[in-house]
Amino acid sequence: MNWVEIDGSYGEGGGQILRTAVALSVITGKPVKIIRIRANRPNPGLRPQHLHGILALKELSNARVKGARVGSTVLEFVPGEARPKHVRVPIKTAGSVTLVLQALLPAMAFTGGSFEITGGTDVPWSPPVDYLKNVTLYALGKMGIGAEIEVKRRGHYPKGGGLVVGRVEPWEGRKPLKALEWCRIERFAGISHATNLPAHVAERQAKAARERLEELYSVPVEIETEVSRSLGPGSGIVVWAETDSLRLGGDALGKRGKPAEVVGREAADELIEQLTLRKAVDKFLADQLIPFLAFAGGEIGVTEITSHLITNVWVVEQFLGRIFEVEGEIGGPGVVRVEV
């Protein structure tokens, strides 16, 4: 067998290497062996949230897998034939639903199918589900990918219990994405939510974000509020700018003792920072687009070249050869081009 071998400690050495490598294994049909998984992290090896992404892809592609357990530092993944399926991923904790989707979406774009994932929808260190739904999927739509996500129930740290369902159409007409800069902002939109908390929490987050954006821009700001019940309390807000190119986003999570106004302003300020350079793609979206750009082609202007982005490019090129050109330094703005 012709294995692709990936050093899991390369670059920022996190779970993203696993998610991208296993997704590409499914897409290309090439078996992959990942060694030294998260070797430089305080608790090396596979964590539960990585395992769920791998198991979802195992199910989608009828793969043979060795080393898929918590703490394992070596993983062997041999994909079978990937077919459209309904994939269920029951994360028993507040493990991130969106990180599982970062593994599942690229592979499912090639097969089609549907999914049902329980876990954390709005948790630290991962994109909130409203960002994925309104910013990421919007960009993927421009590349010809039809996907939808519905949030049935929110899940916050530490209890989780969120439920997200969705489906992906097979990716027939691939369109290159050309998104270098934006010229104008059409409007701002967003979703401010409060779970197992008073309605005024969501309203105050939304009001603070709206006021902050209106200080600098004179375009409409439409932030929806949502109040819901789940296993535990939590709140958060995602705001995005709809430009003549793509959408750029900012988000913030509430926590005990943090005033709702601070949460709202934090999300708005993060978005404002992403808008200052007039690049079409924010730093959170840039690395998420890499596996899709590899197959569609295109060129994007990014507000910041992160180590996540560089690592993702490296993983893709282990499978497909040298196809990317990244202009700019880590920590600064740049351009990512791909020749398909």
Protein backbone atom coordinates (compact mmCIF):
# COMPACT_ATOMS: atom_id res chain seq x y z
CA MET A 1 0.00 0.00 0.00
CA ASN A 2 1.20 3.48 -0.84
CA TRP A 3 0.90 5.31 2.48
CA VAL A 4 0.94 9.05 2.97
CA GLU A 5 2.88 9.62 6.21
CA ILE A 6 2.16 12.80 8.18
CA ASP A 7 4.14 14.14 11.13
CA GLY A 8 1.44 15.22 13.58
CA SER A 9 3.83 17.55 15.41
CA TYR A 10 4.48 19.71 12.31
CA GLY A 11 3.79 23.47 12.51
CA GLU A 12 1.20 24.29 15.13
CA GLY A 13 0.88 20.55 15.67
CA GLY A 14 -2.79 20.48 16.73
CA GLY A 15 -5.92 18.54 15.93
CA GLN A 16 -6.36 20.29 12.61
CA ILE A 17 -3.60 18.16 11.09
CA LEU A 18 -5.68 15.06 11.89
CA ARG A 19 -8.95 16.52 10.60
CA THR A 20 -7.48 17.63 7.27
CA ALA A 21 -5.32 14.53 6.76
CA VAL A 22 -8.12 12.05 7.38
CA ALA A 23 -10.60 14.05 5.24
CA LEU A 24 -8.08 14.05 2.36
CA SER A 25 -7.48 10.35 2.81
CA VAL A 26 -11.22 9.79 2.26
CA ILE A 27 -11.33 12.13 -0.77
CA THR A 28 -8.21 10.78 -2.52
CA GLY A 29 -8.57 7.14 -1.43
CA LYS A 30 -4.95 7.21 -0.17
CA PRO A 31 -4.28 5.52 3.18
CA VAL A 32 -2.66 7.77 5.76
CA LYS A 33 -0.44 7.17 8.76
CA ILE A 34 -0.15 10.04 11.22
CA ILE A 35 2.71 9.81 13.72
CA ARG A 36 3.75 11.97 16.71
CA ILE A 37 0.16 13.18 17.13
CA ARG A 38 0.11 16.46 19.09
CA ALA A 39 3.61 15.52 20.37
CA ASN A 40 4.44 19.03 21.62
CA ARG A 41 1.21 19.56 23.53
CA PRO A 42 0.91 19.27 27.35
CA ASN A 43 -1.35 16.18 26.94
CA PRO A 44 -0.09 14.56 23.71
CA GLY A 45 -2.00 12.14 21.53
CA LEU A 46 -5.62 11.98 20.43
CA ARG A 47 -8.21 13.79 22.55
CA PRO A 48 -11.90 12.80 22.58
CA GLN A 49 -12.87 15.66 20.23
CA HIS A 50 -10.37 14.48 17.57
CA LEU A 51 -11.59 10.92 17.87
CA HIS A 52 -15.15 11.89 16.95
CA GLY A 53 -14.05 13.48 13.68
CA ILE A 54 -12.02 10.39 12.78
CA LEU A 55 -14.88 8.03 13.62
CA ALA A 56 -17.32 10.11 11.55
CA LEU A 57 -14.99 9.82 8.54
CA LYS A 58 -14.49 6.12 9.22
CA GLU A 59 -18.25 5.65 8.98
CA LEU A 60 -18.56 7.76 5.81
CA SER A 61 -15.83 5.81 4.00
CA ASN A 62 -16.07 2.30 5.55
CA ALA A 63 -12.42 2.70 6.59
CA ARG A 64 -10.11 0.37 8.47
CA VAL A 65 -8.57 2.26 11.37
CA LYS A 66 -5.79 1.47 13.84
CA GLY A 67 -4.92 3.59 16.88
CA ALA A 68 -8.27 5.40 17.16
CA ARG A 69 -8.34 5.80 20.93
CA VAL A 70 -7.76 8.61 23.40
CA GLY A 71 -4.04 9.19 24.04
CA SER A 72 -2.87 7.36 20.92
CA THR A 73 0.07 9.10 19.19
CA VAL A 74 -0.10 7.04 15.97
CA LEU A 75 -3.13 6.62 13.71
CA GLU A 76 -3.49 4.46 10.60
CA PHE A 77 -6.52 5.17 8.39
CA VAL A 78 -7.28 3.08 5.29
CA PRO A 79 -10.38 4.41 3.52
CA GLY A 80 -12.84 2.10 1.78
CA GLU A 81 -15.39 3.31 -0.74
CA ALA A 82 -17.02 6.55 0.42
CA ARG A 83 -20.77 6.75 -0.23
CA PRO A 84 -23.54 9.17 0.77
CA LYS A 85 -24.68 8.33 4.29
CA HIS A 86 -26.44 9.71 7.32
CA VAL A 87 -23.60 10.06 9.83
CA ARG A 88 -24.39 10.30 13.55
CA VAL A 89 -21.74 11.68 15.90
CA PRO A 90 -22.68 11.49 19.59
CA ILE A 91 -20.11 13.60 21.47
CA LYS A 92 -20.97 12.95 25.11
CA THR A 93 -19.20 16.11 26.34
CA ALA A 94 -19.02 19.75 25.21
CA GLY A 95 -16.54 18.64 22.51
CA SER A 96 -16.85 20.96 19.53
CA VAL A 97 -19.46 20.13 16.89
CA THR A 98 -17.83 22.57 14.44
CA LEU A 99 -14.41 20.91 14.69
CA VAL A 100 -16.03 17.58 13.79
CA LEU A 101 -17.66 19.35 10.84
CA GLN A 102 -14.26 20.70 9.74
CA ALA A 103 -13.29 17.05 9.19
CA LEU A 104 -16.63 15.89 7.77
CA LEU A 105 -17.57 18.73 5.37
CA PRO A 106 -14.67 18.43 2.88
CA ALA A 107 -15.14 14.66 2.58
CA MET A 108 -18.95 14.89 2.43
CA ALA A 109 -18.72 17.47 -0.37
CA PHE A 110 -17.42 14.59 -2.52
CA THR A 111 -20.07 12.03 -1.50
CA GLY A 112 -23.09 14.01 -0.36
CA GLY A 113 -24.96 12.91 2.74
CA SER A 114 -26.41 14.15 5.99
CA PHE A 115 -25.30 14.36 9.61
CA GLU A 116 -26.52 14.66 13.16
CA ILE A 117 -23.97 15.73 15.78
CA THR A 118 -24.44 16.26 19.50
CA GLY A 119 -21.91 18.16 21.63
CA GLY A 120 -20.74 21.75 22.08
CA THR A 121 -22.11 24.31 19.62
CA ASP A 122 -20.58 27.39 21.28
CA VAL A 123 -17.40 26.49 23.13
CA PRO A 124 -13.95 28.07 23.61
CA TRP A 125 -11.15 27.44 21.07
CA SER A 126 -13.41 26.52 18.16
CA PRO A 127 -15.64 28.35 15.67
CA PRO A 128 -19.19 28.90 16.98
CA VAL A 129 -21.87 27.09 14.98
CA ASP A 130 -23.42 30.40 13.79
CA TYR A 131 -20.06 31.38 12.27
CA LEU A 132 -19.83 28.09 10.38
CA LYS A 133 -23.43 28.39 9.21
CA ASN A 134 -23.37 32.07 8.12
CA VAL A 135 -19.75 32.79 7.18
CA THR A 136 -18.09 29.48 6.20
CA LEU A 137 -21.03 27.97 4.30
CA TYR A 138 -21.60 31.29 2.51
CA ALA A 139 -18.04 31.14 1.11
CA LEU A 140 -18.39 27.45 0.23
CA GLY A 141 -21.61 28.30 -1.63
CA LYS A 142 -19.60 30.62 -3.89
CA MET A 143 -17.43 27.60 -4.76
CA GLY A 144 -20.48 25.57 -5.77
CA ILE A 145 -20.98 23.60 -2.54
CA GLY A 146 -24.58 23.21 -1.38
CA ALA A 147 -24.64 22.58 2.37
CA GLU A 148 -27.00 23.50 5.17
CA ILE A 149 -26.87 23.36 8.95
CA GLU A 150 -29.66 23.66 11.48
CA VAL A 151 -29.09 24.23 15.19
CA LYS A 152 -31.73 22.20 17.04
CA ARG A 153 -30.30 22.84 20.51
CA ARG A 154 -27.34 24.80 21.91
CA GLY A 155 -24.54 23.14 23.85
CA HIS A 156 -22.14 25.05 26.10
CA TYR A 157 -19.13 24.09 28.19
CA PRO A 158 -19.00 21.97 30.37
CA LYS A 159 -22.24 20.01 29.75
CA GLY A 160 -22.60 20.12 25.98
CA GLY A 161 -25.86 18.57 24.83
CA GLY A 162 -26.15 20.69 21.69
CA LEU A 163 -27.69 19.15 18.58
CA VAL A 164 -26.84 20.17 15.02
CA VAL A 165 -28.25 18.51 11.91
CA GLY A 166 -27.51 19.18 8.26
CA ARG A 167 -26.80 17.87 4.82
CA VAL A 168 -24.33 18.33 1.99
CA GLU A 169 -25.11 17.95 -1.73
CA PRO A 170 -22.49 16.25 -3.90
CA TRP A 171 -20.13 18.93 -5.24
CA GLU A 172 -20.80 18.87 -8.99
CA GLY A 173 -19.88 22.26 -10.44
CA ARG A 174 -16.62 23.34 -8.80
CA LYS A 175 -16.05 27.07 -9.06
CA PRO A 176 -12.71 28.73 -8.30
CA LEU A 177 -12.97 31.31 -5.54
CA LYS A 178 -11.53 34.71 -6.37
CA ALA A 179 -11.89 36.93 -3.32
CA LEU A 180 -9.03 39.35 -2.75
CA GLU A 181 -10.54 42.53 -1.30
CA TRP A 182 -13.94 44.00 -0.53
CA CYS A 183 -15.02 47.44 -1.71
CA ARG A 184 -18.21 48.02 0.23
CA ILE A 185 -20.16 46.63 3.16
CA GLU A 186 -23.82 45.97 2.30
CA ARG A 187 -24.92 45.37 5.89
CA PHE A 188 -24.03 43.82 9.23
CA ALA A 189 -25.95 40.86 10.61
CA GLY A 190 -25.63 38.56 13.58
CA ILE A 191 -27.14 36.21 16.13
CA SER A 192 -26.98 36.84 19.87
CA HIS A 193 -28.14 33.92 22.00
CA ALA A 194 -28.78 33.15 25.66
CA THR A 195 -29.39 29.59 26.86
CA ASN A 196 -30.94 28.88 30.29
CA LEU A 197 -30.48 32.61 31.00
CA PRO A 198 -32.79 35.66 31.03
CA ALA A 199 -33.74 37.10 27.62
CA HIS A 200 -32.12 40.44 28.48
CA VAL A 201 -28.67 38.80 28.25
CA ALA A 202 -29.10 38.16 24.51
CA GLU A 203 -30.64 41.62 24.02
CA ARG A 204 -27.82 43.46 25.84
CA GLN A 205 -25.13 41.56 23.87
CA ALA A 206 -26.88 42.50 20.61
CA LYS A 207 -27.36 46.14 21.60
CA ALA A 208 -23.71 46.59 22.61
CA ALA A 209 -22.46 45.04 19.35
CA ARG A 210 -24.89 47.12 17.28
CA GLU A 211 -23.88 50.38 18.96
CA ARG A 212 -20.18 49.61 18.50
CA LEU A 213 -20.59 48.91 14.77
CA GLU A 214 -22.78 52.00 14.28
CA GLU A 215 -20.03 54.20 15.75
CA LEU A 216 -17.87 53.41 12.70
CA TYR A 217 -20.17 52.40 9.85
CA SER A 218 -23.40 53.81 8.47
CA VAL A 219 -24.93 50.63 7.04
CA PRO A 220 -27.86 48.60 8.43
CA VAL A 221 -27.10 46.37 11.46
CA GLU A 222 -29.54 43.48 11.95
CA ILE A 223 -28.71 41.25 14.93
CA GLU A 224 -31.27 38.58 15.83
CA THR A 225 -31.71 37.47 19.43
CA GLU A 226 -32.44 33.89 20.43
CA VAL A 227 -33.42 32.54 23.85
CA SER A 228 -33.41 28.77 24.41
CA ARG A 229 -33.15 25.89 26.88
CA SER A 230 -30.51 23.16 27.03
CA LEU A 231 -28.43 21.13 29.54
CA GLY A 232 -26.59 24.14 30.92
CA PRO A 233 -26.39 27.92 30.80
CA GLY A 234 -24.37 29.91 28.29
CA SER A 235 -24.46 32.85 25.93
CA GLY A 236 -22.64 34.14 22.89
CA ILE A 237 -22.83 36.33 19.83
CA VAL A 238 -21.61 36.07 16.24
CA VAL A 239 -21.64 39.15 14.00
CA TRP A 240 -20.67 39.34 10.35
CA ALA A 241 -20.21 41.93 7.64
CA GLU A 242 -21.84 41.17 4.33
CA THR A 243 -19.52 42.70 1.73
CA ASP A 244 -19.58 42.78 -2.06
CA SER A 245 -17.17 39.80 -1.86
CA LEU A 246 -17.63 37.39 1.07
CA ARG A 247 -18.69 37.70 4.71
CA LEU A 248 -16.19 38.41 7.50
CA GLY A 249 -17.02 37.53 11.10
CA GLY A 250 -16.33 38.19 14.77
CA ASP A 251 -17.63 36.35 17.83
CA ALA A 252 -17.49 36.24 21.62
CA LEU A 253 -18.73 33.91 24.35
CA GLY A 254 -20.32 34.91 27.62
CA LYS A 255 -19.08 33.58 30.92
CA ARG A 256 -20.03 34.00 34.55
CA GLY A 257 -19.14 37.45 35.80
CA LYS A 258 -18.58 38.88 32.28
CA PRO A 259 -21.18 41.57 31.53
CA ALA A 260 -23.30 41.03 28.40
CA GLU A 261 -22.20 44.45 27.12
CA VAL A 262 -18.55 43.36 27.19
CA VAL A 263 -19.42 40.20 25.22
CA GLY A 264 -21.24 42.20 22.53
CA ARG A 265 -18.46 44.76 22.17
CA GLU A 266 -15.79 42.06 22.03
CA ALA A 267 -17.47 40.40 19.04
CA ALA A 268 -17.93 43.75 17.26
CA ASP A 269 -14.31 44.76 17.91
CA GLU A 270 -13.03 41.45 16.57
CA LEU A 271 -15.04 42.02 13.37
CA ILE A 272 -13.89 45.65 13.08
CA GLU A 273 -10.27 44.48 13.36
CA GLN A 274 -10.83 41.97 10.52
CA LEU A 275 -12.31 44.74 8.34
CA THR A 276 -9.47 47.27 8.72
CA LEU A 277 -7.27 45.73 6.01
CA ARG A 278 -10.12 45.37 3.47
CA LYS A 279 -9.10 41.79 2.69
CA ALA A 280 -11.98 39.57 1.56
CA VAL A 281 -11.27 36.64 3.93
CA ASP A 282 -10.97 36.89 7.72
CA LYS A 283 -8.28 34.98 9.59
CA PHE A 284 -10.76 32.38 10.93
CA LEU A 285 -12.18 31.48 7.52
CA ALA A 286 -8.84 31.39 5.68
CA ASP A 287 -7.57 28.06 7.03
CA GLN A 288 -11.06 26.48 6.80
CA LEU A 289 -11.10 27.16 3.04
CA ILE A 290 -7.74 25.50 2.28
CA PRO A 291 -8.98 21.90 1.67
CA PHE A 292 -11.76 23.20 -0.62
CA LEU A 293 -9.50 25.60 -2.54
CA ALA A 294 -7.22 22.64 -3.24
CA PHE A 295 -9.92 21.16 -5.48
CA ALA A 296 -11.67 24.29 -6.79
CA GLY A 297 -8.70 26.61 -7.30
CA GLY A 298 -8.70 30.36 -6.84
CA GLU A 299 -7.02 33.15 -4.96
CA ILE A 300 -7.96 34.78 -1.66
CA GLY A 301 -6.76 37.85 0.22
CA VAL A 302 -6.52 37.06 3.95
CA THR A 303 -6.39 39.48 6.88
CA GLU A 304 -3.79 37.32 8.60
CA ILE A 305 -1.64 34.39 7.64
CA THR A 306 -1.88 32.17 10.72
CA SER A 307 0.21 29.14 11.61
CA HIS A 308 -3.07 27.17 11.29
CA LEU A 309 -3.27 28.20 7.62
CA ILE A 310 0.37 27.32 6.88
CA THR A 311 -0.03 23.94 8.58
CA ASN A 312 -3.21 23.17 6.64
CA VAL A 313 -1.50 24.02 3.33
CA TRP A 314 1.38 21.69 4.27
CA VAL A 315 -1.00 18.79 5.06
CA VAL A 316 -2.90 19.22 1.78
CA GLU A 317 0.37 19.25 -0.17
CA GLN A 318 1.44 15.92 1.38
CA PHE A 319 -1.48 14.42 -0.58
CA LEU A 320 -1.69 16.57 -3.71
CA GLY A 321 1.84 17.87 -4.25
CA ARG A 322 2.91 21.51 -4.38
CA ILE A 323 -0.17 23.48 -5.49
CA PHE A 324 -0.35 26.48 -3.14
CA GLU A 325 1.48 29.77 -3.21
CA VAL A 326 1.29 31.81 0.00
CA GLU A 327 2.43 35.44 -0.14
CA GLY A 328 3.11 37.23 3.13
CA GLU A 329 4.48 36.51 6.59
CA ILE A 330 2.86 34.70 9.51
CA GLY A 331 1.00 37.28 11.60
CA GLY A 332 0.52 39.69 8.69
CA PRO A 333 -1.93 39.95 5.80
CA GLY A 334 -1.37 37.98 2.62
CA VAL A 335 -2.63 36.24 -0.48
CA VAL A 336 -3.15 32.50 -0.99
CA ARG A 337 -3.22 31.20 -4.57
CA VAL A 338 -3.79 27.70 -5.83
CA GLU A 339 -3.32 26.21 -9.26
CA VAL A 340 -5.53 23.20 -9.84
